[in-house]
PDB file of N, CA and C in Angstrom:
ATOM      1  N   MET A   1    -103.547  68.086  80.416  1.00  0.00           N
ATOM      2  CA  MET A   1    -102.172  68.809  81.151  1.00  0.00           C
ATOM      3  C   MET A   1    -102.686  69.723  82.234  1.00  0.00           C
ATOM      4  N   ALA A   2    -101.864  69.385  82.982  1.00  0.00           N
ATOM      5  CA  ALA A   2    -102.133  70.691  84.092  1.00  0.00           C
ATOM      6  C   ALA A   2    -100.735  70.667  84.888  1.00  0.00           C
ATOM      7  N   VAL A   3    -100.320  71.800  85.235  1.00  0.00           N
ATOM      8  CA  VAL A   3     -98.987  71.901  86.078  1.00  0.00           C
ATOM      9  C   VAL A   3     -99.184  72.413  87.290  1.00  0.00           C
ATOM     10  N   ASN A   4     -98.153  71.465  88.310  1.00  0.00           N
ATOM     11  CA  ASN A   4     -98.410  71.106  89.859  1.00  0.00           C
ATOM     12  C   ASN A   4     -97.196  71.470  90.156  1.00  0.00           C
ATOM     13  N   PHE A   5     -97.309  72.505  91.198  1.00  0.00           N
ATOM     14  CA  PHE A   5     -95.918  73.598  91.869  1.00  0.00           C
ATOM     15  C   PHE A   5     -95.643  72.770  93.189  1.00  0.00           C
ATOM     16  N   ASN A   6     -96.522  72.317  93.968  1.00  0.00           N
ATOM     17  CA  ASN A   6     -96.198  71.756  95.237  1.00  0.00           C
ATOM     18  C   ASN A   6     -96.783  70.070  95.835  1.00  0.00           C
ATOM     19  N   GLY A   7     -97.690  70.064  95.030  1.00  0.00           N
ATOM     20  CA  GLY A   7     -98.942  68.906  95.351  1.00  0.00           C
ATOM     21  C   GLY A   7     -97.893  67.440  94.980  1.00  0.00           C
ATOM     22  N   ASP A   8     -97.725  67.478  93.391  1.00  0.00           N
ATOM     23  CA  ASP A   8     -96.977  66.126  93.461  1.00  0.00           C
ATOM     24  C   ASP A   8     -95.765  65.992  93.036  1.00  0.00           C
ATOM     25  N   PRO A   9     -95.449  64.657  93.655  1.00  0.00           N
ATOM     26  CA  PRO A   9     -94.244  64.778  93.703  1.00  0.00           C
ATOM     27  C   PRO A   9     -93.225  65.047  92.716  1.00  0.00           C
ATOM     28  N   THR A  10     -93.905  64.682  91.319  1.00  0.00           N
ATOM     29  CA  THR A  10     -93.365  64.624  90.183  1.00  0.00           C
ATOM     30  C   THR A  10     -93.751  65.609  89.276  1.00  0.00           C
ATOM     31  N   ALA A  11     -94.008  66.659  89.989  1.00  0.00           N
ATOM     32  CA  ALA A  11     -94.165  67.855  89.324  1.00  0.00           C
ATOM     33  C   ALA A  11     -93.296  68.593  88.739  1.00  0.00           C
ATOM     34  N   GLY A  12     -93.636  68.692  87.584  1.00  0.00           N
ATOM     35  CA  GLY A  12     -92.220  69.534  86.897  1.00  0.00           C
ATOM     36  C   GLY A  12     -91.620  68.382  85.560  1.00  0.00           C
ATOM     37  N   LYS A  13     -91.798  67.208  86.405  1.00  0.00           N
ATOM     38  CA  LYS A  13     -91.363  66.226  84.892  1.00  0.00           C
ATOM     39  C   LYS A  13     -92.195  66.442  83.850  1.00  0.00           C
ATOM     40  N   ALA A  14     -91.263  66.222  82.538  1.00  0.00           N
ATOM     41  CA  ALA A  14     -91.811  66.287  81.258  1.00  0.00           C
ATOM     42  C   ALA A  14     -92.222  65.269  80.609  1.00  0.00           C
ATOM     43  N   GLU A  15     -93.728  65.201  80.330  1.00  0.00           N
ATOM     44  CA  GLU A  15     -94.283  63.783  79.879  1.00  0.00           C
ATOM     45  C   GLU A  15     -94.468  64.628  78.050  1.00  0.00           C
ATOM     46  N   ILE A  16     -93.538  63.711  77.558  1.00  0.00           N
ATOM     47  CA  ILE A  16     -93.908  64.429  75.825  1.00  0.00           C
ATOM     48  C   ILE A  16     -94.823  63.187  75.293  1.00  0.00           C
ATOM     49  N   GLU A  17     -95.539  63.704  74.150  1.00  0.00           N
ATOM     50  CA  GLU A  17     -96.011  62.362  73.443  1.00  0.00           C
ATOM     51  C   GLU A  17     -95.469  61.905  72.541  1.00  0.00           C
ATOM     52  N   GLN A  18     -95.223  60.879  72.063  1.00  0.00           N
ATOM     53  CA  GLN A  18     -94.419  60.573  70.442  1.00  0.00           C
ATOM     54  C   GLN A  18     -95.742  60.620  69.611  1.00  0.00           C
ATOM     55  N   ASN A  19     -95.390  62.185  69.414  1.00  0.00           N
ATOM     56  CA  ASN A  19     -96.274  62.680  68.253  1.00  0.00           C
ATOM     57  C   ASN A  19     -95.191  63.209  66.919  1.00  0.00           C
ATOM     58  N   PRO A  20     -95.337  62.712  66.055  1.00  0.00           N
ATOM     59  CA  PRO A  20     -93.987  62.306  64.746  1.00  0.00           C
ATOM     60  C   PRO A  20     -94.300  63.480  64.179  1.00  0.00           C
ATOM     61  N   GLU A  21     -95.436  64.654  64.374  1.00  0.00           N
ATOM     62  CA  GLU A  21     -95.126  65.919  63.736  1.00  0.00           C
ATOM     63  C   GLU A  21     -94.450  66.698  64.215  1.00  0.00           C
ATOM     64  N   LEU A  22     -94.317  66.681  65.861  1.00  0.00           N
ATOM     65  CA  LEU A  22     -93.545  67.181  66.434  1.00  0.00           C
ATOM     66  C   LEU A  22     -91.682  67.318  66.270  1.00  0.00           C
ATOM     67  N   PRO A  23     -91.051  67.814  65.756  1.00  0.00           N
ATOM     68  CA  PRO A  23     -89.480  67.554  65.554  1.00  0.00           C
ATOM     69  C   PRO A  23     -89.196  67.389  66.684  1.00  0.00           C
ATOM     70  N   ILE A  24     -88.229  65.955  66.865  1.00  0.00           N
ATOM     71  CA  ILE A  24     -87.633  65.859  68.302  1.00  0.00           C
ATOM     72  C   ILE A  24     -86.748  66.824  68.811  1.00  0.00           C
ATOM     73  N   VAL A  25     -86.113  67.545  67.812  1.00  0.00           N
ATOM     74  CA  VAL A  25     -85.311  68.962  68.940  1.00  0.00           C
ATOM     75  C   VAL A  25     -86.619  69.408  69.499  1.00  0.00           C
ATOM     76  N   ASP A  26     -87.591  69.741  69.310  1.00  0.00           N
ATOM     77  CA  ASP A  26     -88.540  70.639  69.878  1.00  0.00           C
ATOM     78  C   ASP A  26     -88.997  69.331  71.068  1.00  0.00           C
ATOM     79  N   ARG A  27     -89.322  68.471  70.720  1.00  0.00           N
ATOM     80  CA  ARG A  27     -89.311  67.348  71.789  1.00  0.00           C
ATOM     81  C   ARG A  27     -88.573  67.065  73.085  1.00  0.00           C
ATOM     82  N   ILE A  28     -87.142  67.566  72.423  1.00  0.00           N
ATOM     83  CA  ILE A  28     -85.846  67.672  73.554  1.00  0.00           C
ATOM     84  C   ILE A  28     -86.146  68.677  74.123  1.00  0.00           C
ATOM     85  N   ALA A  29     -86.233  70.372  73.377  1.00  0.00           N
ATOM     86  CA  ALA A  29     -86.690  71.833  74.048  1.00  0.00           C
ATOM     87  C   ALA A  29     -87.495  71.534  75.440  1.00  0.00           C
ATOM     88  N   ILE A  30     -88.411  70.695  74.581  1.00  0.00           N
ATOM     89  CA  ILE A  30     -89.883  70.945  76.106  1.00  0.00           C
ATOM     90  C   ILE A  30     -89.040  69.869  77.261  1.00  0.00           C
ATOM     91  N   CYS A  31     -88.520  68.767  77.041  1.00  0.00           N
ATOM     92  CA  CYS A  31     -87.622  67.947  78.349  1.00  0.00           C
ATOM     93  C   CYS A  31     -86.791  69.063  79.122  1.00  0.00           C
ATOM     94  N   SER A  32     -86.301  70.093  78.474  1.00  0.00           N
ATOM     95  CA  SER A  32     -85.112  70.606  78.644  1.00  0.00           C
ATOM     96  C   SER A  32     -85.580  71.882  79.583  1.00  0.00           C
ATOM     97  N   ALA A  33     -86.640  72.505  79.255  1.00  0.00           N
ATOM     98  CA  ALA A  33     -86.900  73.586  79.572  1.00  0.00           C
ATOM     99  C   ALA A  33     -87.494  74.043  81.333  1.00  0.00           C
ATOM    100  N   GLY A  34     -87.822  72.770  81.698  1.00  0.00           N
ATOM    101  CA  GLY A  34     -88.117  73.159  83.261  1.00  0.00           C
ATOM    102  C   GLY A  34     -86.467  73.239  83.768  1.00  0.00           C
ATOM    103  N   ALA A  35     -85.458  72.633  83.859  1.00  0.00           N
ATOM    104  CA  ALA A  35     -84.266  72.542  84.626  1.00  0.00           C
ATOM    105  C   ALA A  35     -83.642  74.075  84.097  1.00  0.00           C
ATOM    106  N   ASP A  36     -83.729  74.324  82.475  1.00  0.00           N
ATOM    107  CA  ASP A  36     -83.418  75.526  82.094  1.00  0.00           C
ATOM    108  C   ASP A  36     -84.019  76.684  82.977  1.00  0.00           C
ATOM    109  N   ALA A  37     -85.455  77.225  83.058  1.00  0.00           N
ATOM    110  CA  ALA A  37     -86.120  77.658  83.487  1.00  0.00           C
ATOM    111  C   ALA A  37     -85.550  78.015  85.306  1.00  0.00           C
ATOM    112  N   GLN A  38     -85.455  76.883  85.380  1.00  0.00           N
ATOM    113  CA  GLN A  38     -85.133  76.919  86.790  1.00  0.00           C
ATOM    114  C   GLN A  38     -83.784  77.389  86.789  1.00  0.00           C
ATOM    115  N   ALA A  39     -82.455  76.994  85.991  1.00  0.00           N
ATOM    116  CA  ALA A  39     -81.613  77.831  86.394  1.00  0.00           C
ATOM    117  C   ALA A  39     -81.667  79.308  85.800  1.00  0.00           C
ATOM    118  N   MET A  40     -82.200  79.901  84.781  1.00  0.00           N
ATOM    119  CA  MET A  40     -82.574  81.034  84.351  1.00  0.00           C
ATOM    120  C   MET A  40     -83.008  81.858  85.053  1.00  0.00           C
ATOM    121  N   PHE A  41     -84.321  81.524  85.894  1.00  0.00           N
ATOM    122  CA  PHE A  41     -85.412  82.196  86.690  1.00  0.00           C
ATOM    123  C   PHE A  41     -84.651  82.098  88.091  1.00  0.00           C
ATOM    124  N   GLU A  42     -84.061  81.048  88.444  1.00  0.00           N
ATOM    125  CA  GLU A  42     -83.675  80.993  90.266  1.00  0.00           C
ATOM    126  C   GLU A  42     -84.530  80.410  90.869  1.00  0.00           C
ATOM    127  N   VAL A  43     -85.784  79.475  90.346  1.00  0.00           N
ATOM    128  CA  VAL A  43     -87.261  79.031  91.113  1.00  0.00           C
ATOM    129  C   VAL A  43     -86.950  77.610  91.462  1.00  0.00           C
ATOM    130  N   PRO A  44     -87.607  77.351  92.267  1.00  0.00           N
ATOM    131  CA  PRO A  44     -87.647  75.683  92.859  1.00  0.00           C
ATOM    132  C   PRO A  44     -88.182  75.128  91.727  1.00  0.00           C
ATOM    133  N   THR A  45     -87.888  74.059  91.798  1.00  0.00           N
ATOM    134  CA  THR A  45     -88.448  72.812  91.301  1.00  0.00           C
ATOM    135  C   THR A  45     -88.500  71.429  92.076  1.00  0.00           C
ATOM    136  N   HIS A  46     -88.977  70.517  91.757  1.00  0.00           N
ATOM    137  CA  HIS A  46     -88.928  68.999  92.444  1.00  0.00           C
ATOM    138  C   HIS A  46     -87.525  69.170  92.175  1.00  0.00           C
ATOM    139  N   ARG A  47     -86.956  68.645  93.467  1.00  0.00           N
ATOM    140  CA  ARG A  47     -85.277  68.361  93.317  1.00  0.00           C
ATOM    141  C   ARG A  47     -85.072  66.811  92.356  1.00  0.00           C
ATOM    142  N   LEU A  48     -85.675  66.424  91.964  1.00  0.00           N
ATOM    143  CA  LEU A  48     -85.569  65.037  90.865  1.00  0.00           C
ATOM    144  C   LEU A  48     -85.973  65.415  89.328  1.00  0.00           C
ATOM    145  N   GLY A  49     -86.804  66.685  89.480  1.00  0.00           N
ATOM    146  CA  GLY A  49     -87.209  66.619  87.993  1.00  0.00           C
ATOM    147  C   GLY A  49     -86.294  67.165  87.067  1.00  0.00           C
ATOM    148  N   PRO A  50     -85.122  67.596  86.902  1.00  0.00           N
ATOM    149  CA  PRO A  50     -84.362  67.962  85.843  1.00  0.00           C
ATOM    150  C   PRO A  50     -83.911  66.332  85.620  1.00  0.00           C
ATOM    151  N   PHE A  51     -83.639  65.407  86.764  1.00  0.00           N
ATOM    152  CA  PHE A  51     -83.097  63.924  86.605  1.00  0.00           C
ATOM    153  C   PHE A  51     -84.364  63.100  85.715  1.00  0.00           C
ATOM    154  N   MET A  52     -85.373  63.248  85.935  1.00  0.00           N
ATOM    155  CA  MET A  52     -86.603  62.743  85.530  1.00  0.00           C
ATOM    156  C   MET A  52     -86.557  62.990  83.807  1.00  0.00           C
ATOM    157  N   ASP A  53     -86.091  64.780  83.435  1.00  0.00           N
ATOM    158  CA  ASP A  53     -86.253  65.096  82.125  1.00  0.00           C
ATOM    159  C   ASP A  53     -85.101  64.778  81.728  1.00  0.00           C
ATOM    160  N   MET A  54     -84.201  64.404  82.243  1.00  0.00           N
ATOM    161  CA  MET A  54     -82.806  64.424  81.422  1.00  0.00           C
ATOM    162  C   MET A  54     -82.894  62.474  80.686  1.00  0.00           C
ATOM    163  N   ASN A  55     -83.903  61.751  81.650  1.00  0.00           N
ATOM    164  CA  ASN A  55     -84.126  60.656  81.633  1.00  0.00           C
ATOM    165  C   ASN A  55     -85.175  60.273  79.948  1.00  0.00           C
ATOM    166  N   GLU A  56     -86.392  61.477  80.264  1.00  0.00           N
ATOM    167  CA  GLU A  56     -86.706  61.401  79.019  1.00  0.00           C
ATOM    168  C   GLU A  56     -86.191  61.877  77.756  1.00  0.00           C
ATOM    169  N   ILE A  57     -85.168  62.818  77.976  1.00  0.00           N
ATOM    170  CA  ILE A  57     -84.313  62.984  76.629  1.00  0.00           C
ATOM    171  C   ILE A  57     -83.499  62.043  76.540  1.00  0.00           C
ATOM    172  N   ARG A  58     -83.175  61.043  77.336  1.00  0.00           N
ATOM    173  CA  ARG A  58     -82.302  59.907  77.116  1.00  0.00           C
ATOM    174  C   ARG A  58     -83.145  59.011  75.737  1.00  0.00           C
ATOM    175  N   LYS A  59     -84.418  58.737  76.372  1.00  0.00           N
ATOM    176  CA  LYS A  59     -85.507  58.029  75.722  1.00  0.00           C
ATOM    177  C   LYS A  59     -85.644  58.511  74.467  1.00  0.00           C
ATOM    178  N   LEU A  60     -85.544  59.526  74.514  1.00  0.00           N
ATOM    179  CA  LEU A  60     -85.988  60.217  72.524  1.00  0.00           C
ATOM    180  C   LEU A  60     -84.852  60.232  71.694  1.00  0.00           C
ATOM    181  N   ILE A  61     -83.342  60.085  72.413  1.00  0.00           N
ATOM    182  CA  ILE A  61     -82.738  59.906  71.297  1.00  0.00           C
ATOM    183  C   ILE A  61     -82.149  58.524  71.535  1.00  0.00           C
ATOM    184  N   GLU A  62     -82.415  57.717  72.206  1.00  0.00           N
ATOM    185  CA  GLU A  62     -81.649  56.350  72.042  1.00  0.00           C
ATOM    186  C   GLU A  62     -81.930  55.575  70.550  1.00  0.00           C
ATOM    187  N   HIS A  63     -82.670  55.769  70.257  1.00  0.00           N
ATOM    188  CA  HIS A  63     -82.077  55.391  68.908  1.00  0.00           C
ATOM    189  C   HIS A  63     -81.626  55.709  67.656  1.00  0.00           C
ATOM    190  N   CYS A  64     -81.361  56.967  67.940  1.00  0.00           N
ATOM    191  CA  CYS A  64     -80.876  58.295  66.699  1.00  0.00           C
ATOM    192  C   CYS A  64     -79.501  58.124  66.405  1.00  0.00           C
ATOM    193  N   ASP A  65     -78.571  56.784  66.822  1.00  0.00           N
ATOM    194  CA  ASP A  65     -76.995  56.521  66.809  1.00  0.00           C
ATOM    195  C   ASP A  65     -76.149  57.749  67.176  1.00  0.00           C
ATOM    196  N   ASP A  66     -75.378  57.872  65.911  1.00  0.00           N
ATOM    197  CA  ASP A  66     -74.643  59.657  66.022  1.00  0.00           C
ATOM    198  C   ASP A  66     -74.771  60.350  66.345  1.00  0.00           C
ATOM    199  N   GLU A  67     -76.410  60.783  66.050  1.00  0.00           N
ATOM    200  CA  GLU A  67     -76.497  62.068  65.682  1.00  0.00           C
ATOM    201  C   GLU A  67     -77.204  62.582  67.216  1.00  0.00           C
ATOM    202  N   GLY A  68     -77.776  61.563  67.930  1.00  0.00           N
ATOM    203  CA  GLY A  68     -78.108  61.613  69.453  1.00  0.00           C
ATOM    204  C   GLY A  68     -77.637  62.765  69.832  1.00  0.00           C
ATOM    205  N   GLU A  69     -76.464  62.575  70.517  1.00  0.00           N
ATOM    206  CA  GLU A  69     -75.827  63.907  71.436  1.00  0.00           C
ATOM    207  C   GLU A  69     -76.036  65.462  70.472  1.00  0.00           C
ATOM    208  N   ALA A  70     -75.804  65.641  69.295  1.00  0.00           N
ATOM    209  CA  ALA A  70     -76.143  66.718  68.681  1.00  0.00           C
ATOM    210  C   ALA A  70     -77.549  67.135  68.726  1.00  0.00           C
ATOM    211  N   LEU A  71     -78.799  66.287  68.872  1.00  0.00           N
ATOM    212  CA  LEU A  71     -79.872  66.462  68.709  1.00  0.00           C
ATOM    213  C   LEU A  71     -80.162  66.825  69.979  1.00  0.00           C
ATOM    214  N   ARG A  72     -79.516  66.313  71.545  1.00  0.00           N
ATOM    215  CA  ARG A  72     -79.988  66.605  72.453  1.00  0.00           C
ATOM    216  C   ARG A  72     -79.332  68.273  72.839  1.00  0.00           C
ATOM    217  N   TYR A  73     -78.240  68.697  72.039  1.00  0.00           N
ATOM    218  CA  TYR A  73     -77.496  69.807  72.585  1.00  0.00           C
ATOM    219  C   TYR A  73     -78.429  70.672  71.419  1.00  0.00           C
ATOM    220  N   ALA A  74     -78.937  70.738  70.327  1.00  0.00           N
ATOM    221  CA  ALA A  74     -80.023  71.668  69.855  1.00  0.00           C
ATOM    222  C   ALA A  74     -81.168  71.662  70.336  1.00  0.00           C
ATOM    223  N   GLY A  75     -81.451  70.847  70.826  1.00  0.00           N
ATOM    224  CA  GLY A  75     -82.874  70.718  71.786  1.00  0.00           C
ATOM    225  C   GLY A  75     -82.734  71.487  72.944  1.00  0.00           C
ATOM    226  N   CYS A  76     -81.463  71.324  73.885  1.00  0.00           N
ATOM    227  CA  CYS A  76     -81.260  71.822  74.868  1.00  0.00           C
ATOM    228  C   CYS A  76     -81.323  73.529  74.311  1.00  0.00           C
ATOM    229  N   ARG A  77     -80.217  73.889  73.499  1.00  0.00           N
ATOM    230  CA  ARG A  77     -80.143  75.306  73.107  1.00  0.00           C
ATOM    231  C   ARG A  77     -81.376  75.509  72.660  1.00  0.00           C
ATOM    232  N   ARG A  78     -82.112  75.234  71.913  1.00  0.00           N
ATOM    233  CA  ARG A  78     -83.897  75.422  71.848  1.00  0.00           C
ATOM    234  C   ARG A  78     -84.433  76.252  72.685  1.00  0.00           C
ATOM    235  N   SER A  79     -84.653  75.423  73.382  1.00  0.00           N
ATOM    236  CA  SER A  79     -84.964  75.622  75.032  1.00  0.00           C
ATOM    237  C   SER A  79     -84.886  76.879  75.492  1.00  0.00           C
ATOM    238  N   LYS A  80     -83.621  77.213  76.235  1.00  0.00           N
ATOM    239  CA  LYS A  80     -82.736  77.955  76.270  1.00  0.00           C
ATOM    240  C   LYS A  80     -83.711  79.786  75.106  1.00  0.00           C
ATOM    241  N   GLU A  81     -83.193  79.561  74.102  1.00  0.00           N
ATOM    242  CA  GLU A  81     -83.460  80.464  73.246  1.00  0.00           C
ATOM    243  C   GLU A  81     -84.968  81.121  73.511  1.00  0.00           C
ATOM    244  N   LEU A  82     -86.222  79.846  73.891  1.00  0.00           N
ATOM    245  CA  LEU A  82     -87.499  80.037  73.987  1.00  0.00           C
ATOM    246  C   LEU A  82     -87.774  80.685  74.714  1.00  0.00           C
ATOM    247  N   LEU A  83     -86.887  80.510  76.071  1.00  0.00           N
ATOM    248  CA  LEU A  83     -87.338  80.807  77.426  1.00  0.00           C
ATOM    249  C   LEU A  83     -86.798  82.694  77.414  1.00  0.00           C
ATOM    250  N   GLU A  84     -85.512  82.809  76.501  1.00  0.00           N
ATOM    251  CA  GLU A  84     -85.171  84.054  76.847  1.00  0.00           C
ATOM    252  C   GLU A  84     -86.126  84.992  75.958  1.00  0.00           C
ATOM    253  N   GLN A  85     -86.491  84.335  74.824  1.00  0.00           N
ATOM    254  CA  GLN A  85     -87.210  85.434  73.469  1.00  0.00           C
ATOM    255  C   GLN A  85     -89.139  85.416  74.164  1.00  0.00           C
ATOM    256  N   HIS A  86     -89.344  84.347  75.321  1.00  0.00           N
ATOM    257  CA  HIS A  86     -90.336  84.720  76.040  1.00  0.00           C
ATOM    258  C   HIS A  86     -90.264  84.785  77.677  1.00  0.00           C
ATOM    259  N   ARG A  87     -89.145  85.274  77.596  1.00  0.00           N
ATOM    260  CA  ARG A  87     -89.043  85.980  79.289  1.00  0.00           C
ATOM    261  C   ARG A  87     -90.180  86.484  80.523  1.00  0.00           C
ATOM    262  N   ALA A  88     -90.664  87.473  79.520  1.00  0.00           N
ATOM    263  CA  ALA A  88     -91.926  87.682  80.378  1.00  0.00           C
ATOM    264  C   ALA A  88     -92.724  86.951  80.441  1.00  0.00           C
ATOM    265  N   LYS A  89     -93.679  86.368  79.536  1.00  0.00           N
ATOM    266  CA  LYS A  89     -94.507  85.373  80.002  1.00  0.00           C
ATOM    267  C   LYS A  89     -93.906  84.330  80.908  1.00  0.00           C
ATOM    268  N   VAL A  90     -92.992  83.516  80.666  1.00  0.00           N
ATOM    269  CA  VAL A  90     -92.803  82.796  81.759  1.00  0.00           C
ATOM    270  C   VAL A  90     -92.512  83.125  83.227  1.00  0.00           C
ATOM    271  N   GLU A  91     -92.102  84.314  83.156  1.00  0.00           N
ATOM    272  CA  GLU A  91     -91.758  84.851  84.422  1.00  0.00           C
ATOM    273  C   GLU A  91     -93.410  85.111  84.805  1.00  0.00           C
ATOM    274  N   ARG A  92     -94.740  85.674  84.144  1.00  0.00           N
ATOM    275  CA  ARG A  92     -95.714  85.530  84.820  1.00  0.00           C
ATOM    276  C   ARG A  92     -96.509  84.277  85.176  1.00  0.00           C
ATOM    277  N   LEU A  93     -96.280  83.700  84.337  1.00  0.00           N
ATOM    278  CA  LEU A  93     -96.542  81.750  84.573  1.00  0.00           C
ATOM    279  C   LEU A  93     -95.898  81.545  85.651  1.00  0.00           C
ATOM    280  N   ALA A  94     -94.972  81.646  86.163  1.00  0.00           N
ATOM    281  CA  ALA A  94     -94.129  81.203  87.191  1.00  0.00           C
ATOM    282  C   ALA A  94     -94.799  82.311  88.365  1.00  0.00           C
ATOM    283  N   GLN A  95     -95.246  83.379  88.032  1.00  0.00           N
ATOM    284  CA  GLN A  95     -95.981  83.927  89.465  1.00  0.00           C
ATOM    285  C   GLN A  95     -97.298  83.294  89.668  1.00  0.00           C
ATOM    286  N   VAL A  96     -98.177  83.200  89.046  1.00  0.00           N
ATOM    287  CA  VAL A  96     -99.234  82.309  88.646  1.00  0.00           C
ATOM    288  C   VAL A  96     -99.202  81.711  89.015  1.00  0.00           C
ATOM    289  N   LEU A  97     -98.628  80.657  89.184  1.00  0.00           N
ATOM    290  CA  LEU A  97     -97.892  79.146  89.265  1.00  0.00           C
ATOM    291  C   LEU A  97     -97.683  79.210  91.237  1.00  0.00           C
ATOM    292  N   ALA A  98     -96.994  80.110  90.998  1.00  0.00           N
ATOM    293  CA  ALA A  98     -96.694  80.251  92.746  1.00  0.00           C
ATOM    294  C   ALA A  98     -97.324  80.694  93.619  1.00  0.00           C
ATOM    295  N   GLU A  99     -98.565  81.404  93.094  1.00  0.00           N
ATOM    296  CA  GLU A  99     -99.376  81.612  93.930  1.00  0.00           C
ATOM    297  C   GLU A  99    -100.475  80.767  94.139  1.00  0.00           C
ATOM    298  N   ARG A 100    -101.289  80.278  93.115  1.00  0.00           N
ATOM    299  CA  ARG A 100    -101.833  79.093  93.171  1.00  0.00           C
ATOM    300  C   ARG A 100    -101.863  77.775  92.682  1.00  0.00           C
ATOM    301  N   SER A 101    -100.473  77.494  93.187  1.00  0.00           N
ATOM    302  CA  SER A 101     -99.894  76.169  93.075  1.00  0.00           C
ATOM    303  C   SER A 101    -100.381  75.070  92.043  1.00  0.00           C
ATOM    304  N   GLU A 102    -101.674  75.194  91.103  1.00  0.00           N
ATOM    305  CA  GLU A 102    -102.224  74.609  89.859  1.00  0.00           C
ATOM    306  C   GLU A 102    -102.639  75.498  88.901  1.00  0.00           C
ATOM    307  N   LEU A 103    -102.853  74.964  87.658  1.00  0.00           N
ATOM    308  CA  LEU A 103    -102.713  75.208  86.803  1.00  0.00           C
ATOM    309  C   LEU A 103    -103.079  74.559  85.489  1.00  0.00           C
ATOM    310  N   ASP A 104    -104.771  74.412  85.562  1.00  0.00           N
ATOM    311  CA  ASP A 104    -104.967  73.608  83.850  1.00  0.00           C
ATOM    312  C   ASP A 104    -104.671  74.252  82.561  1.00  0.00           C
ATOM    313  N   GLU A 105    -104.734  73.651  81.293  1.00  0.00           N
ATOM    314  CA  GLU A 105    -104.759  74.164  80.178  1.00  0.00           C
ATOM    315  C   GLU A 105    -104.857  75.664  79.604  1.00  0.00           C
ATOM    316  N   VAL A 106    -105.830  75.676  80.170  1.00  0.00           N
ATOM    317  CA  VAL A 106    -106.627  76.946  79.948  1.00  0.00           C
ATOM    318  C   VAL A 106    -106.008  78.142  80.187  1.00  0.00           C
ATOM    319  N   GLU A 107    -105.760  77.936  81.664  1.00  0.00           N
ATOM    320  CA  GLU A 107    -105.436  78.775  82.512  1.00  0.00           C
ATOM    321  C   GLU A 107    -103.947  78.936  81.606  1.00  0.00           C
ATOM    322  N   ILE A 108    -102.951  78.007  81.211  1.00  0.00           N
ATOM    323  CA  ILE A 108    -101.760  78.229  81.001  1.00  0.00           C
ATOM    324  C   ILE A 108    -102.073  78.900  79.470  1.00  0.00           C
ATOM    325  N   ALA A 109    -102.682  78.514  78.804  1.00  0.00           N
ATOM    326  CA  ALA A 109    -102.958  79.306  77.203  1.00  0.00           C
ATOM    327  C   ALA A 109    -103.643  80.942  77.701  1.00  0.00           C
ATOM    328  N   GLN A 110    -104.421  80.788  78.829  1.00  0.00           N
ATOM    329  CA  GLN A 110    -104.353  82.640  78.831  1.00  0.00           C
ATOM    330  C   GLN A 110    -103.738  83.521  79.337  1.00  0.00           C
ATOM    331  N   ILE A 111    -102.341  82.909  79.841  1.00  0.00           N
ATOM    332  CA  ILE A 111    -101.637  83.440  80.515  1.00  0.00           C
ATOM    333  C   ILE A 111    -100.034  83.880  78.901  1.00  0.00           C
ATOM    334  N   LEU A 112    -100.113  82.641  78.678  1.00  0.00           N
ATOM    335  CA  LEU A 112     -98.871  82.361  77.587  1.00  0.00           C
ATOM    336  C   LEU A 112     -99.631  82.851  76.069  1.00  0.00           C
ATOM    337  N   ILE A 113    -100.854  82.662  75.720  1.00  0.00           N
ATOM    338  CA  ILE A 113    -101.220  83.651  74.519  1.00  0.00           C
ATOM    339  C   ILE A 113    -102.828  84.203  74.882  1.00  0.00           C
ATOM    340  N   PRO A 114    -102.353  85.269  75.582  1.00  0.00           N
ATOM    341  CA  PRO A 114    -103.838  86.395  75.974  1.00  0.00           C
ATOM    342  C   PRO A 114    -104.920  86.619  74.976  1.00  0.00           C
ATOM    343  N   ASP A 115    -104.581  86.840  73.941  1.00  0.00           N
ATOM    344  CA  ASP A 115    -105.408  86.665  72.918  1.00  0.00           C
ATOM    345  C   ASP A 115    -105.923  85.444  72.191  1.00  0.00           C
ATOM    346  N   ALA A 116    -105.607  84.051  72.819  1.00  0.00           N
ATOM    347  CA  ALA A 116    -106.331  82.946  71.872  1.00  0.00           C
ATOM    348  C   ALA A 116    -107.838  82.694  72.738  1.00  0.00           C
ATOM    349  N   LYS A 117    -108.080  82.180  71.622  1.00  0.00           N
ATOM    350  CA  LYS A 117    -109.908  81.981  72.223  1.00  0.00           C
ATOM    351  C   LYS A 117    -109.703  80.707  72.820  1.00  0.00           C
ATOM    352  N   THR A 118    -110.144  80.555  74.375  1.00  0.00           N
ATOM    353  CA  THR A 118    -109.959  79.085  74.264  1.00  0.00           C
ATOM    354  C   THR A 118    -111.708  78.745  74.966  1.00  0.00           C
ATOM    355  N   SER A 119    -111.692  77.270  74.764  1.00  0.00           N
ATOM    356  CA  SER A 119    -113.388  76.787  75.247  1.00  0.00           C
ATOM    357  C   SER A 119    -113.235  76.176  76.095  1.00  0.00           C
TER     358      SER A 119
END
């Protein structure tokens, strides 16, 4: 995984693995987080990012029948809660990303979990 701010025209699009161990609400929250962060922190993103993320959310809930919209709402709410809870880390991540344009998973982990051991 890498985050690219200015290079790739699909930068910012959420790509979620179909991991059955990760609850669907959390997968939806991951998809929603980019657009939510853009609105919350008033930062730029690729203009199509939110639309691509919403498409990913639709794919996640397409087989959920009646509960799909409730799951979408819960995932979006979870995204906003996590962004608020970790606001300082998200702001730091955005600052470093704006300075360097691209970060890999180790660099992201060092910002988000400073005490974590990375190899």
